[in-house]
C-alpha atoms as a PDB file:
ATOM      1  CA  UNK A   1     -13.085  -2.845  12.914  1.00  0.00           C
ATOM      2  CA  UNK A   2     -15.783  -0.313  13.802  1.00  0.00           C
ATOM      3  CA  UNK A   3     -16.833   1.606  10.693  1.00  0.00           C
ATOM      4  CA  UNK A   4     -17.543   4.799  12.625  1.00  0.00           C
ATOM      5  CA  UNK A   5     -13.963   4.747  13.971  1.00  0.00           C
ATOM      6  CA  UNK A   6     -12.196   4.640  10.572  1.00  0.00           C
ATOM      7  CA  UNK A   7     -10.106   7.809  10.573  1.00  0.00           C
ATOM      8  CA  UNK A   8      -6.974   7.062   8.546  1.00  0.00           C
ATOM      9  CA  UNK A   9      -4.889   6.205  11.614  1.00  0.00           C
ATOM     10  CA  UNK A  10      -6.757   3.431  13.424  1.00  0.00           C
ATOM     11  CA  UNK A  11      -6.566  -0.206  12.373  1.00  0.00           C
ATOM     12  CA  UNK A  12      -3.144   0.038  10.687  1.00  0.00           C
ATOM     13  CA  UNK A  13      -1.699  -3.349   9.729  1.00  0.00           C
ATOM     14  CA  UNK A  14       1.844  -4.154   8.646  1.00  0.00           C
ATOM     15  CA  UNK A  15       2.056  -5.532   5.109  1.00  0.00           C
ATOM     16  CA  UNK A  16       4.300  -8.600   5.289  1.00  0.00           C
ATOM     17  CA  UNK A  17       6.693  -8.974   2.368  1.00  0.00           C
ATOM     18  CA  UNK A  18      10.309  -9.833   1.718  1.00  0.00           C
ATOM     19  CA  UNK A  19      12.714  -9.343  -1.140  1.00  0.00           C
ATOM     20  CA  UNK A  20      15.151 -12.127  -1.943  1.00  0.00           C
ATOM     21  CA  UNK A  21      17.481 -11.752  -4.913  1.00  0.00           C
ATOM     22  CA  UNK A  22      19.635 -14.311  -6.648  1.00  0.00           C
ATOM     23  CA  UNK A  23      23.179 -12.966  -6.346  1.00  0.00           C
ATOM     24  CA  UNK A  24      24.129 -14.702  -9.611  1.00  0.00           C
ATOM     25  CA  UNK A  25      21.664 -12.449 -11.460  1.00  0.00           C
ATOM     26  CA  UNK A  26      21.852  -9.185  -9.520  1.00  0.00           C
ATOM     27  CA  UNK A  27      24.964  -7.355  -8.393  1.00  0.00           C
ATOM     28  CA  UNK A  28      25.293  -4.681  -5.713  1.00  0.00           C
ATOM     29  CA  UNK A  29      25.551  -1.807  -8.230  1.00  0.00           C
ATOM     30  CA  UNK A  30      22.052  -2.365  -9.595  1.00  0.00           C
ATOM     31  CA  UNK A  31      19.339   0.013  -8.398  1.00  0.00           C
ATOM     32  CA  UNK A  32      16.290  -1.703  -6.904  1.00  0.00           C
ATOM     33  CA  UNK A  33      12.827  -0.131  -7.038  1.00  0.00           C
ATOM     34  CA  UNK A  34       9.427  -0.973  -5.626  1.00  0.00           C
ATOM     35  CA  UNK A  35       6.249   0.019  -7.485  1.00  0.00           C
ATOM     36  CA  UNK A  36       2.710  -0.131  -6.129  1.00  0.00           C
ATOM     37  CA  UNK A  37      -0.157  -0.666  -8.544  1.00  0.00           C
ATOM     38  CA  UNK A  38      -3.868  -1.175  -8.202  1.00  0.00           C
ATOM     39  CA  UNK A  39      -7.196   0.528  -8.699  1.00  0.00           C
ATOM     40  CA  UNK A  40      -6.892   3.949  -7.050  1.00  0.00           C
ATOM     41  CA  UNK A  41      -9.795   5.316  -5.007  1.00  0.00           C
ATOM     42  CA  UNK A  42     -11.557   8.458  -6.191  1.00  0.00           C
ATOM     43  CA  UNK A  43     -10.776  10.314  -2.965  1.00  0.00           C
ATOM     44  CA  UNK A  44      -7.192   9.395  -2.021  1.00  0.00           C
ATOM     45  CA  UNK A  45      -4.310   8.795  -4.513  1.00  0.00           C
ATOM     46  CA  UNK A  46      -2.569   6.499  -2.005  1.00  0.00           C
ATOM     47  CA  UNK A  47      -5.670   4.363  -1.359  1.00  0.00           C
ATOM     48  CA  UNK A  48      -6.661   1.207  -3.183  1.00  0.00           C
ATOM     49  CA  UNK A  49     -10.330   0.904  -4.119  1.00  0.00           C
ATOM     50  CA  UNK A  50     -12.333  -1.635  -2.185  1.00  0.00           C
ATOM     51  CA  UNK A  51     -15.571  -3.425  -2.965  1.00  0.00           C
ATOM     52  CA  UNK A  52     -17.361  -0.915  -0.684  1.00  0.00           C
ATOM     53  CA  UNK A  53     -18.072   2.557  -2.090  1.00  0.00           C
ATOM     54  CA  UNK A  54     -16.299   5.261  -0.078  1.00  0.00           C
ATOM     55  CA  UNK A  55     -13.851   2.869   1.621  1.00  0.00           C
ATOM     56  CA  UNK A  56     -10.210   2.571   0.608  1.00  0.00           C
ATOM     57  CA  UNK A  57      -7.027   1.013   1.931  1.00  0.00           C
ATOM     58  CA  UNK A  58      -4.167   3.511   2.064  1.00  0.00           C
ATOM     59  CA  UNK A  59      -0.666   2.138   1.821  1.00  0.00           C
ATOM     60  CA  UNK A  60       2.154   3.924   3.593  1.00  0.00           C
ATOM     61  CA  UNK A  61       5.880   3.342   3.379  1.00  0.00           C
ATOM     62  CA  UNK A  62       7.841   4.487   6.421  1.00  0.00           C
ATOM     63  CA  UNK A  63       4.697   6.379   7.551  1.00  0.00           C
ATOM     64  CA  UNK A  64       4.407   8.357   4.275  1.00  0.00           C
ATOM     65  CA  UNK A  65       1.631   7.763   1.704  1.00  0.00           C
ATOM     66  CA  UNK A  66       2.755   5.368  -1.039  1.00  0.00           C
ATOM     67  CA  UNK A  67       0.807   6.739  -4.002  1.00  0.00           C
ATOM     68  CA  UNK A  68      -0.406   4.113  -6.435  1.00  0.00           C
ATOM     69  CA  UNK A  69       1.633   4.124  -9.632  1.00  0.00           C
ATOM     70  CA  UNK A  70       4.651   5.647  -7.915  1.00  0.00           C
ATOM     71  CA  UNK A  71       8.064   4.029  -7.612  1.00  0.00           C
ATOM     72  CA  UNK A  72      10.499   4.210  -4.717  1.00  0.00           C
ATOM     73  CA  UNK A  73      14.144   3.170  -4.589  1.00  0.00           C
ATOM     74  CA  UNK A  74      14.804   0.508  -1.971  1.00  0.00           C
ATOM     75  CA  UNK A  75      17.772  -1.143  -0.338  1.00  0.00           C
ATOM     76  CA  UNK A  76      17.493  -4.917  -0.193  1.00  0.00           C
ATOM     77  CA  UNK A  77      19.170  -4.898   3.230  1.00  0.00           C
ATOM     78  CA  UNK A  78      16.715  -2.344   4.658  1.00  0.00           C
ATOM     79  CA  UNK A  79      13.358  -2.596   2.901  1.00  0.00           C
ATOM     80  CA  UNK A  80      10.720  -0.007   3.843  1.00  0.00           C
ATOM     81  CA  UNK A  81       7.996  -0.862   6.315  1.00  0.00           C
ATOM     82  CA  UNK A  82       4.640  -0.914   4.538  1.00  0.00           C
ATOM     83  CA  UNK A  83       1.344  -0.427   6.349  1.00  0.00           C
ATOM     84  CA  UNK A  84      -2.247  -0.760   5.167  1.00  0.00           C
ATOM     85  CA  UNK A  85      -4.733   1.595   6.795  1.00  0.00           C
ATOM     86  CA  UNK A  86      -8.475   1.833   6.119  1.00  0.00           C
ATOM     87  CA  UNK A  87      -9.633   5.302   5.023  1.00  0.00           C
ATOM     88  CA  UNK A  88     -13.052   6.599   4.085  1.00  0.00           C
ATOM     89  CA  UNK A  89     -14.361   9.315   1.844  1.00  0.00           C
ATOM     90  CA  UNK A  90     -15.422  12.446   3.702  1.00  0.00           C
ATOM     91  CA  UNK A  91     -19.171  12.641   4.248  1.00  0.00           C
ATOM     92  CA  UNK A  92     -19.767   8.951   3.485  1.00  0.00           C
ATOM     93  CA  UNK A  93     -21.709   6.724   5.876  1.00  0.00           C
ATOM     94  CA  UNK A  94     -20.232   3.259   5.411  1.00  0.00           C
ATOM     95  CA  UNK A  95     -22.435   0.199   5.682  1.00  0.00           C
ATOM     96  CA  UNK A  96     -21.508  -2.752   7.848  1.00  0.00           C
ATOM     97  CA  UNK A  97     -20.088  -5.783   6.049  1.00  0.00           C
ATOM     98  CA  UNK A  98     -17.045  -7.362   4.493  1.00  0.00           C
ATOM     99  CA  UNK A  99     -14.919  -5.920   1.703  1.00  0.00           C
ATOM    100  CA  UNK A 100     -12.151  -6.847  -0.737  1.00  0.00           C
ATOM    101  CA  UNK A 101      -9.163  -4.863  -1.996  1.00  0.00           C
ATOM    102  CA  UNK A 102      -6.231  -5.840  -4.218  1.00  0.00           C
ATOM    103  CA  UNK A 103      -2.869  -4.207  -4.945  1.00  0.00           C
ATOM    104  CA  UNK A 104       0.408  -5.407  -6.462  1.00  0.00           C
ATOM    105  CA  UNK A 105       3.972  -4.698  -5.321  1.00  0.00           C
ATOM    106  CA  UNK A 106       6.527  -5.075  -8.094  1.00  0.00           C
ATOM    107  CA  UNK A 107      10.285  -5.157  -7.524  1.00  0.00           C
ATOM    108  CA  UNK A 108      12.606  -4.218 -10.382  1.00  0.00           C
ATOM    109  CA  UNK A 109      16.354  -3.855 -10.598  1.00  0.00           C
ATOM    110  CA  UNK A 110      18.645  -2.589 -13.315  1.00  0.00           C
END
């Protein structure tokens, strides 16, 4: 990844995940939701903070920003496609090097 090419569209990566439910616990009438949590960046509400100042990882569901702390309703048979895309704060010159970022996806049904 070239740091001077980070523009919020390049370097998108699919986030692999699957949802498997025990049919003895969940029935078809229960609503299923997906919640994203993590440390939000100071420049983008859909971007997870990274270990590099001014760099975030934006998560998108079906090409729309998935804002941290928000919840979406999902269908187990057709789960949304999630993508992780590096984004940077406007006016920031990023330094070369590695970085870390962490987020949690939580599935609930009721």
